[in-house]
Amino acid sequence: MAALALPVVPLPVVAGQMEAAQAGLKYLYYSEDQRMTASSPLLWVDAPVGENYDVSVATTLDSMSGASIQYVSNQSGKPVHSLSSASIRDERRAADLRVTRHFEEGSVALGASISSEHDYLSQGVSADLRLDFNDKNTTLALGVGETNDRIGSTINPLLDEGRRTRDFLVGVTQLLTPVSLIQSNLSYSDGSGYFNDPYKFTLSFLSGVRAPVVQNDTRPDGRRAVSWLTRYRHYLPAWQTAVAAEYRYYQSNWGIVAHTLEVSATRDFGNGFKLTPTLRYYSQSAADFYSPVQTSRTAIGSSDARLAAFGAYTAGLKVQKNFGERTTLDATAAVYRQEAGYRLNGGGSPDFPGLTARILMVGVSRVF
């Protein structure tokens, strides 16, 4: 989750057909204090095919190791988040393919993706339509996608559950002036199936009872969510700086309401050198069925801290250097911090485990 707090490859708000092929390699390193570390090389290629088609391909290999919160216990009289052993190791292989057909007043794109781990398989397809109006100053976007997952577990070889999620999007991008634009997208997600985390549970020691009550992580078998994202971008010619701000509202039927606000500025210093500082704030309420401890065995319940009420900040700096018109090098460093007290208006979940993480990403791209 912390790694996702920093945008890796920002998507263009208005895109026409590519004029030349591009390829790039990025490497992401993520590290938590005394917990998990992850490294992820990403290779991508974008290329025009003929006069009207673009093809985009991306592949990545994530390697993770370390310890994570496995269970919560109140044996000491208060909730204690206990880490697993530091021997967790996992790899994820993922690939995406996207084909876009351009028309005079818009485009149609079809996409497919796959992500595989030793205990998890995800496959998805998507389609989107973009229509240009008002001399291409206004763009309407419509999108639909479906993802099918299979979930297993190394501690329960018999576990083999499925989950299906359907996503829908409608959005508008409007050019306000030659140097400013606004984009607003409304998304809806409808998922059904297995949402439990098979690696998490709660140990509740009740008064007068010697053996603890073991509560497996058990969540509803469906999740519906709505999100609204609005972006504004403006270029300041006198400063040679592009400023951007975006806000995202999220609400699900699990009771989670989240707010995300991000601001950034990209300054062009000439000679192909650019700097982009970014600041991002995130806040969410707790899921209806979240509790750090369980007083009894329940049909639905989870002590997973990711479902708690908390807030988080991410501060990052990106350095970019262009060598001519074909080659670009970039490096991004960021720090992520989450705490219960960072939640909007305070009132985060008690006994929430704070977390500090560092993110480093370097990349190179070339136009052919």
Protein backbone atom coordinates (compact mmCIF):
# COMPACT_ATOMS: atom_id res chain seq x y z
CA MET A 1 0.00 0.00 0.00
CA ALA A 2 2.81 2.39 0.82
CA ALA A 3 4.45 1.81 -2.55
CA LEU A 4 1.20 2.72 -4.25
CA ALA A 5 1.18 6.03 -2.40
CA LEU A 6 3.64 7.41 -4.92
CA PRO A 7 2.67 7.53 -8.60
CA VAL A 8 5.13 5.53 -10.67
CA VAL A 9 4.06 6.18 -14.25
CA PRO A 10 1.54 9.06 -14.47
CA LEU A 11 -0.95 8.53 -17.27
CA PRO A 12 -1.47 11.30 -19.85
CA VAL A 13 -4.80 13.08 -19.52
CA VAL A 14 -5.09 13.56 -23.29
CA ALA A 15 -3.37 11.13 -25.62
CA GLY A 16 -3.16 10.95 -29.39
CA GLN A 17 -1.40 8.37 -31.52
CA MET A 18 2.28 7.84 -30.78
CA GLU A 19 4.69 9.33 -33.27
CA ALA A 20 7.60 7.01 -32.45
CA ALA A 21 8.36 3.86 -30.51
CA GLN A 22 9.48 4.22 -26.89
CA ALA A 23 10.96 1.77 -24.41
CA GLY A 24 11.98 2.10 -20.81
CA LEU A 25 13.29 0.30 -17.76
CA LYS A 26 12.46 1.27 -14.18
CA TYR A 27 13.63 -0.18 -10.90
CA LEU A 28 11.70 0.32 -7.66
CA TYR A 29 13.06 -0.40 -4.17
CA TYR A 30 10.76 -0.24 -1.13
CA SER A 31 11.80 -0.70 2.51
CA GLU A 32 9.91 -0.60 5.81
CA ASP A 33 11.57 -0.20 9.20
CA GLN A 34 12.43 -3.72 10.45
CA ARG A 35 9.71 -5.23 8.27
CA MET A 36 9.20 -5.84 4.57
CA THR A 37 11.43 -4.91 1.66
CA ALA A 38 10.56 -5.20 -2.01
CA SER A 39 12.34 -4.68 -5.31
CA SER A 40 10.68 -4.47 -8.68
CA PRO A 41 12.19 -4.00 -12.16
CA LEU A 42 9.68 -2.84 -14.76
CA LEU A 43 10.20 -3.05 -18.53
CA TRP A 44 7.80 -1.33 -20.91
CA VAL A 45 7.53 -0.74 -24.66
CA ASP A 46 5.11 1.55 -26.52
CA ALA A 47 5.07 1.48 -30.31
CA PRO A 48 2.89 2.71 -33.19
CA VAL A 49 1.80 0.01 -35.64
CA GLY A 50 0.77 1.26 -39.05
CA GLU A 51 -1.10 4.54 -39.29
CA ASN A 52 -3.84 3.96 -36.73
CA TYR A 53 -2.67 1.50 -34.05
CA ASP A 54 -0.54 1.67 -30.91
CA VAL A 55 0.67 -1.32 -28.89
CA SER A 56 1.86 -1.08 -25.28
CA VAL A 57 3.50 -3.92 -23.36
CA ALA A 58 4.81 -3.93 -19.78
CA THR A 59 6.22 -6.65 -17.55
CA THR A 60 7.53 -6.70 -14.00
CA LEU A 61 8.98 -9.07 -11.39
CA ASP A 62 8.39 -8.17 -7.73
CA SER A 63 10.58 -9.76 -5.06
CA MET A 64 9.48 -9.35 -1.43
CA SER A 65 11.07 -10.49 1.81
CA GLY A 66 10.94 -9.77 5.54
CA ALA A 67 8.22 -9.85 8.18
CA SER A 68 4.63 -8.63 8.27
CA ILE A 69 1.88 -8.38 10.90
CA GLN A 70 0.37 -11.86 11.20
CA TYR A 71 -1.96 -11.61 14.20
CA VAL A 72 -3.18 -9.34 16.99
CA SER A 73 -3.28 -10.53 20.60
CA ASN A 74 -4.60 -8.95 23.80
CA GLN A 75 -2.80 -11.38 26.14
CA SER A 76 -0.90 -8.49 27.75
CA GLY A 77 -4.14 -6.57 28.40
CA LYS A 78 -3.98 -4.42 25.30
CA PRO A 79 -3.81 -5.15 21.57
CA VAL A 80 -0.34 -6.12 20.38
CA HIS A 81 0.42 -6.51 16.67
CA SER A 82 2.73 -9.51 16.34
CA LEU A 83 5.03 -9.92 13.38
CA SER A 84 5.60 -13.13 11.50
CA SER A 85 9.11 -14.49 11.24
CA ALA A 86 11.47 -12.57 8.97
CA SER A 87 11.63 -15.48 6.55
CA ILE A 88 8.73 -14.42 4.30
CA ARG A 89 9.82 -14.56 0.67
CA ASP A 90 7.61 -14.18 -2.35
CA GLU A 91 7.77 -13.25 -6.01
CA ARG A 92 5.14 -11.83 -8.31
CA ARG A 93 5.31 -11.88 -12.09
CA ALA A 94 3.00 -9.58 -14.00
CA ALA A 95 2.45 -8.47 -17.58
CA ASP A 96 0.11 -6.08 -19.37
CA LEU A 97 -0.83 -5.73 -23.04
CA ARG A 98 -2.82 -2.87 -24.54
CA VAL A 99 -3.81 -2.26 -28.17
CA THR A 100 -5.29 1.11 -29.20
CA ARG A 101 -7.08 1.96 -32.44
CA HIS A 102 -7.14 5.68 -33.25
CA PHE A 103 -9.87 7.45 -35.20
CA GLU A 104 -10.26 11.03 -36.31
CA GLU A 105 -12.30 11.95 -33.23
CA GLY A 106 -11.12 9.48 -30.61
CA SER A 107 -9.81 5.99 -29.92
CA VAL A 108 -10.76 2.50 -28.75
CA ALA A 109 -8.42 0.37 -26.64
CA LEU A 110 -8.44 -3.25 -25.49
CA GLY A 111 -6.20 -4.51 -22.69
CA ALA A 112 -5.27 -7.73 -20.91
CA SER A 113 -3.21 -8.36 -17.78
CA ILE A 114 -1.95 -11.27 -15.70
CA SER A 115 -0.29 -11.40 -12.29
CA SER A 116 0.99 -14.61 -10.71
CA GLU A 117 2.35 -15.58 -7.28
CA HIS A 118 2.81 -19.01 -5.73
CA ASP A 119 -0.54 -18.65 -3.93
CA TYR A 120 -2.35 -16.10 -6.09
CA LEU A 121 -3.34 -15.68 -9.73
CA SER A 122 -5.06 -12.64 -11.22
CA GLN A 123 -6.24 -12.24 -14.82
CA GLY A 124 -7.99 -9.20 -16.23
CA VAL A 125 -9.36 -7.66 -19.41
CA SER A 126 -10.39 -4.09 -20.13
CA ALA A 127 -11.81 -1.84 -22.84
CA ASP A 128 -12.10 1.91 -23.07
CA LEU A 129 -13.47 4.46 -25.51
CA ARG A 130 -12.28 8.07 -25.86
CA LEU A 131 -14.24 10.62 -27.88
CA ASP A 132 -13.00 14.14 -28.71
CA PHE A 133 -15.36 17.11 -29.01
CA ASN A 134 -15.16 20.89 -29.27
CA ASP A 135 -12.15 20.94 -31.62
CA LYS A 136 -10.50 18.30 -29.41
CA ASN A 137 -10.63 20.58 -26.38
CA THR A 138 -13.01 18.16 -24.64
CA THR A 139 -12.50 14.41 -24.25
CA LEU A 140 -15.07 11.92 -22.96
CA ALA A 141 -13.72 8.64 -21.58
CA LEU A 142 -15.70 5.43 -20.98
CA GLY A 143 -14.09 2.30 -19.57
CA VAL A 144 -15.01 -1.19 -18.41
CA GLY A 145 -12.90 -4.01 -17.00
CA GLU A 146 -13.13 -7.38 -15.29
CA THR A 147 -10.60 -9.16 -13.08
CA ASN A 148 -10.75 -12.81 -11.99
CA ASP A 149 -8.58 -13.98 -9.10
CA ARG A 150 -7.69 -17.36 -7.60
CA ILE A 151 -6.52 -17.30 -3.98
CA GLY A 152 -4.56 -20.03 -2.23
CA SER A 153 -2.41 -20.29 0.91
CA THR A 154 0.87 -21.91 1.87
CA ILE A 155 -0.48 -22.67 5.36
CA ASN A 156 -3.66 -24.25 3.97
CA PRO A 157 -2.97 -26.27 0.82
CA LEU A 158 -6.71 -26.99 0.46
CA LEU A 159 -7.60 -23.32 0.03
CA ASP A 160 -8.66 -22.53 -3.53
CA GLU A 161 -11.10 -19.64 -3.70
CA GLY A 162 -12.17 -17.27 -6.44
CA ARG A 163 -13.03 -13.60 -6.70
CA ARG A 164 -14.41 -11.53 -9.57
CA THR A 165 -14.36 -7.74 -9.81
CA ARG A 166 -15.98 -5.58 -12.45
CA ASP A 167 -14.94 -1.94 -12.90
CA PHE A 168 -16.65 0.90 -14.73
CA LEU A 169 -15.40 4.42 -15.46
CA VAL A 170 -16.75 7.61 -17.00
CA GLY A 171 -14.65 10.74 -17.23
CA VAL A 172 -14.24 14.12 -18.88
CA THR A 173 -11.07 16.07 -19.68
CA GLN A 174 -11.51 19.74 -20.52
CA LEU A 175 -8.86 22.13 -21.85
CA LEU A 176 -9.61 25.39 -20.02
CA THR A 177 -6.91 27.60 -21.54
CA PRO A 178 -3.81 26.91 -23.67
CA VAL A 179 -1.92 26.33 -20.38
CA SER A 180 -4.49 24.68 -18.09
CA LEU A 181 -6.83 21.72 -18.05
CA ILE A 182 -9.06 19.78 -15.68
CA GLN A 183 -9.97 16.10 -15.63
CA SER A 184 -12.68 14.37 -13.60
CA ASN A 185 -13.35 10.61 -13.47
CA LEU A 186 -16.08 8.67 -11.69
CA SER A 187 -15.40 4.96 -11.09
CA TYR A 188 -17.53 2.11 -9.76
CA SER A 189 -16.23 -1.30 -8.66
CA ASP A 190 -18.34 -4.38 -7.90
CA GLY A 191 -16.54 -7.42 -6.50
CA SER A 192 -17.81 -10.77 -5.28
CA GLY A 193 -16.12 -13.87 -3.89
CA TYR A 194 -13.29 -14.45 -1.43
CA PHE A 195 -11.90 -11.28 0.21
CA ASN A 196 -10.38 -12.81 3.37
CA ASP A 197 -6.65 -12.69 4.13
CA PRO A 198 -5.71 -16.32 4.87
CA TYR A 199 -2.50 -15.24 6.63
CA LYS A 200 -4.07 -13.05 9.32
CA PHE A 201 -6.00 -13.88 12.51
CA THR A 202 -6.78 -12.58 16.00
CA LEU A 203 -6.02 -14.16 19.39
CA SER A 204 -8.45 -12.90 22.05
CA PHE A 205 -7.84 -13.85 25.67
CA LEU A 206 -11.14 -13.54 27.54
CA SER A 207 -11.50 -13.06 31.29
CA GLY A 208 -11.59 -16.39 33.10
CA VAL A 209 -10.80 -18.39 29.96
CA ARG A 210 -7.33 -19.93 29.67
CA ALA A 211 -7.39 -20.77 25.96
CA PRO A 212 -7.59 -17.86 23.50
CA VAL A 213 -10.43 -17.39 21.04
CA VAL A 214 -8.98 -17.68 17.55
CA GLN A 215 -10.72 -15.47 15.01
CA ASN A 216 -9.69 -16.02 11.41
CA ASP A 217 -9.73 -12.99 9.13
CA THR A 218 -13.28 -13.13 7.77
CA ARG A 219 -14.65 -10.41 5.51
CA PRO A 220 -17.87 -9.97 3.51
CA ASP A 221 -18.11 -11.94 0.28
CA GLY A 222 -18.77 -8.81 -1.73
CA ARG A 223 -17.43 -5.28 -2.00
CA ARG A 224 -18.86 -2.32 -3.90
CA ALA A 225 -16.96 0.95 -4.10
CA VAL A 226 -17.29 4.35 -5.73
CA SER A 227 -14.41 6.75 -6.31
CA TRP A 228 -14.26 10.25 -7.76
CA LEU A 229 -10.95 11.66 -8.98
CA THR A 230 -10.41 15.25 -10.13
CA ARG A 231 -7.10 16.60 -11.47
CA TYR A 232 -6.08 20.16 -12.33
CA ARG A 233 -2.92 21.10 -14.20
CA HIS A 234 -1.57 24.55 -15.02
CA TYR A 235 1.60 25.73 -16.70
CA LEU A 236 3.33 28.94 -15.58
CA PRO A 237 5.43 30.16 -18.55
CA ALA A 238 7.29 32.82 -16.59
CA TRP A 239 8.50 30.18 -14.11
CA GLN A 240 8.76 27.35 -16.65
CA THR A 241 6.84 25.30 -14.09
CA ALA A 242 3.85 23.00 -14.37
CA VAL A 243 1.78 22.72 -11.18
CA ALA A 244 -0.71 19.95 -10.54
CA ALA A 245 -3.29 19.15 -7.87
CA GLU A 246 -5.64 16.22 -7.54
CA TYR A 247 -8.25 14.98 -5.09
CA ARG A 248 -9.76 11.50 -4.84
CA TYR A 249 -12.81 10.50 -2.82
CA TYR A 250 -13.45 6.82 -2.14
CA GLN A 251 -16.32 5.05 -0.40
CA SER A 252 -17.13 1.35 -0.11
CA ASN A 253 -19.98 -0.64 1.40
CA TRP A 254 -17.48 -1.96 3.95
CA GLY A 255 -17.75 1.42 5.66
CA ILE A 256 -14.40 2.78 4.49
CA VAL A 257 -14.38 6.41 3.39
CA ALA A 258 -11.04 7.70 2.11
CA HIS A 259 -9.65 11.05 0.95
CA THR A 260 -6.46 11.55 -1.06
CA LEU A 261 -4.94 14.94 -1.87
CA GLU A 262 -1.77 15.38 -3.91
CA VAL A 263 0.11 18.46 -5.10
CA SER A 264 3.23 18.66 -7.25
CA ALA A 265 5.26 21.11 -9.30
CA THR A 266 7.62 20.36 -12.19
CA ARG A 267 10.28 23.00 -12.82
CA ASP A 268 12.24 23.04 -16.08
CA PHE A 269 15.76 24.39 -15.42
CA GLY A 270 16.88 24.09 -19.04
CA ASN A 271 19.40 21.76 -20.65
CA GLY A 272 16.90 18.90 -20.20
CA PHE A 273 16.99 19.11 -16.40
CA LYS A 274 13.72 18.99 -14.38
CA LEU A 275 12.79 18.71 -10.71
CA THR A 276 9.39 17.56 -9.39
CA PRO A 277 8.63 17.72 -5.64
CA THR A 278 5.43 15.90 -4.62
CA LEU A 279 3.40 15.87 -1.42
CA ARG A 280 0.54 13.45 -0.89
CA TYR A 281 -1.90 13.06 2.02
CA TYR A 282 -4.21 10.08 2.59
CA SER A 283 -6.90 9.50 5.23
CA GLN A 284 -9.43 6.71 5.73
CA SER A 285 -12.09 5.59 8.19
CA ALA A 286 -12.21 2.04 9.54
CA ALA A 287 -14.19 -0.81 8.03
CA ASP A 288 -17.43 -1.61 9.85
CA PHE A 289 -16.14 -5.04 10.88
CA TYR A 290 -12.64 -3.95 11.93
CA SER A 291 -11.57 -4.36 15.56
CA PRO A 292 -8.04 -4.72 16.98
CA VAL A 293 -9.36 -7.57 19.18
CA GLN A 294 -12.42 -9.81 19.06
CA THR A 295 -14.49 -10.37 22.22
CA SER A 296 -15.96 -13.58 20.79
CA ARG A 297 -16.00 -15.64 17.63
CA THR A 298 -17.92 -13.70 14.97
CA ALA A 299 -19.12 -14.46 11.45
CA ILE A 300 -17.45 -11.32 10.08
CA GLY A 301 -14.41 -9.72 11.68
CA SER A 302 -10.83 -8.63 11.01
CA SER A 303 -7.98 -7.04 12.95
CA ASP A 304 -6.00 -6.26 9.78
CA ALA A 305 -4.54 -2.79 10.35
CA ARG A 306 -5.05 -1.93 6.68
CA LEU A 307 -8.79 -1.79 7.47
CA ALA A 308 -8.29 0.58 10.44
CA ALA A 309 -8.78 4.34 10.58
CA PHE A 310 -5.51 6.16 9.92
CA GLY A 311 -3.77 8.80 7.86
CA ALA A 312 -0.56 8.90 5.87
CA TYR A 313 1.85 11.34 4.24
CA THR A 314 4.18 10.78 1.29
CA ALA A 315 6.86 13.31 0.38
CA GLY A 316 8.90 12.72 -2.76
CA LEU A 317 11.34 14.36 -5.14
CA LYS A 318 11.91 13.36 -8.77
CA VAL A 319 14.96 14.38 -10.79
CA GLN A 320 14.82 14.04 -14.57
CA LYS A 321 17.52 14.63 -17.19
CA ASN A 322 16.98 14.52 -20.94
CA PHE A 323 19.90 13.73 -23.19
CA GLY A 324 18.91 15.15 -26.52
CA GLU A 325 15.41 14.31 -27.70
CA ARG A 326 15.66 10.54 -27.35
CA THR A 327 17.05 9.48 -23.98
CA THR A 328 15.73 10.33 -20.50
CA LEU A 329 17.09 9.37 -17.08
CA ASP A 330 15.07 9.88 -13.90
CA ALA A 331 15.32 9.13 -10.19
CA THR A 332 12.69 9.45 -7.46
CA ALA A 333 13.13 9.28 -3.69
CA ALA A 334 10.22 9.37 -1.25
CA VAL A 335 9.37 8.82 2.41
CA TYR A 336 6.02 7.41 3.52
CA ARG A 337 4.66 7.67 7.06
CA GLN A 338 1.32 6.43 8.46
CA GLU A 339 -0.16 6.99 11.92
CA ALA A 340 -3.59 6.84 13.56
CA GLY A 341 -3.24 10.51 14.53
CA TYR A 342 -2.69 11.57 10.93
CA ARG A 343 -6.29 10.79 10.07
CA LEU A 344 -8.38 13.74 8.93
CA ASN A 345 -9.93 15.40 12.03
CA GLY A 346 -7.98 12.93 14.21
CA GLY A 347 -9.73 9.96 15.74
CA GLY A 348 -7.71 7.15 14.19
CA SER A 349 -8.06 3.58 15.42
CA PRO A 350 -6.47 3.04 18.86
CA ASP A 351 -3.35 0.88 19.04
CA PHE A 352 -2.80 1.33 15.29
CA PRO A 353 0.77 0.33 14.36
CA GLY A 354 2.65 3.23 12.80
CA LEU A 355 4.83 2.64 9.78
CA THR A 356 7.69 4.43 8.05
CA ALA A 357 8.85 3.37 4.61
CA ARG A 358 11.35 4.61 2.05
CA ILE A 359 10.90 4.39 -1.70
CA LEU A 360 13.60 4.74 -4.34
CA MET A 361 13.01 4.48 -8.08
CA VAL A 362 15.38 4.96 -11.01
CA GLY A 363 14.58 4.69 -14.69
CA VAL A 364 15.76 5.17 -18.24
CA SER A 365 13.69 5.56 -21.39
CA ARG A 366 14.49 6.05 -25.06
CA VAL A 367 12.61 7.09 -28.16
CA PHE A 368 13.42 5.11 -31.29
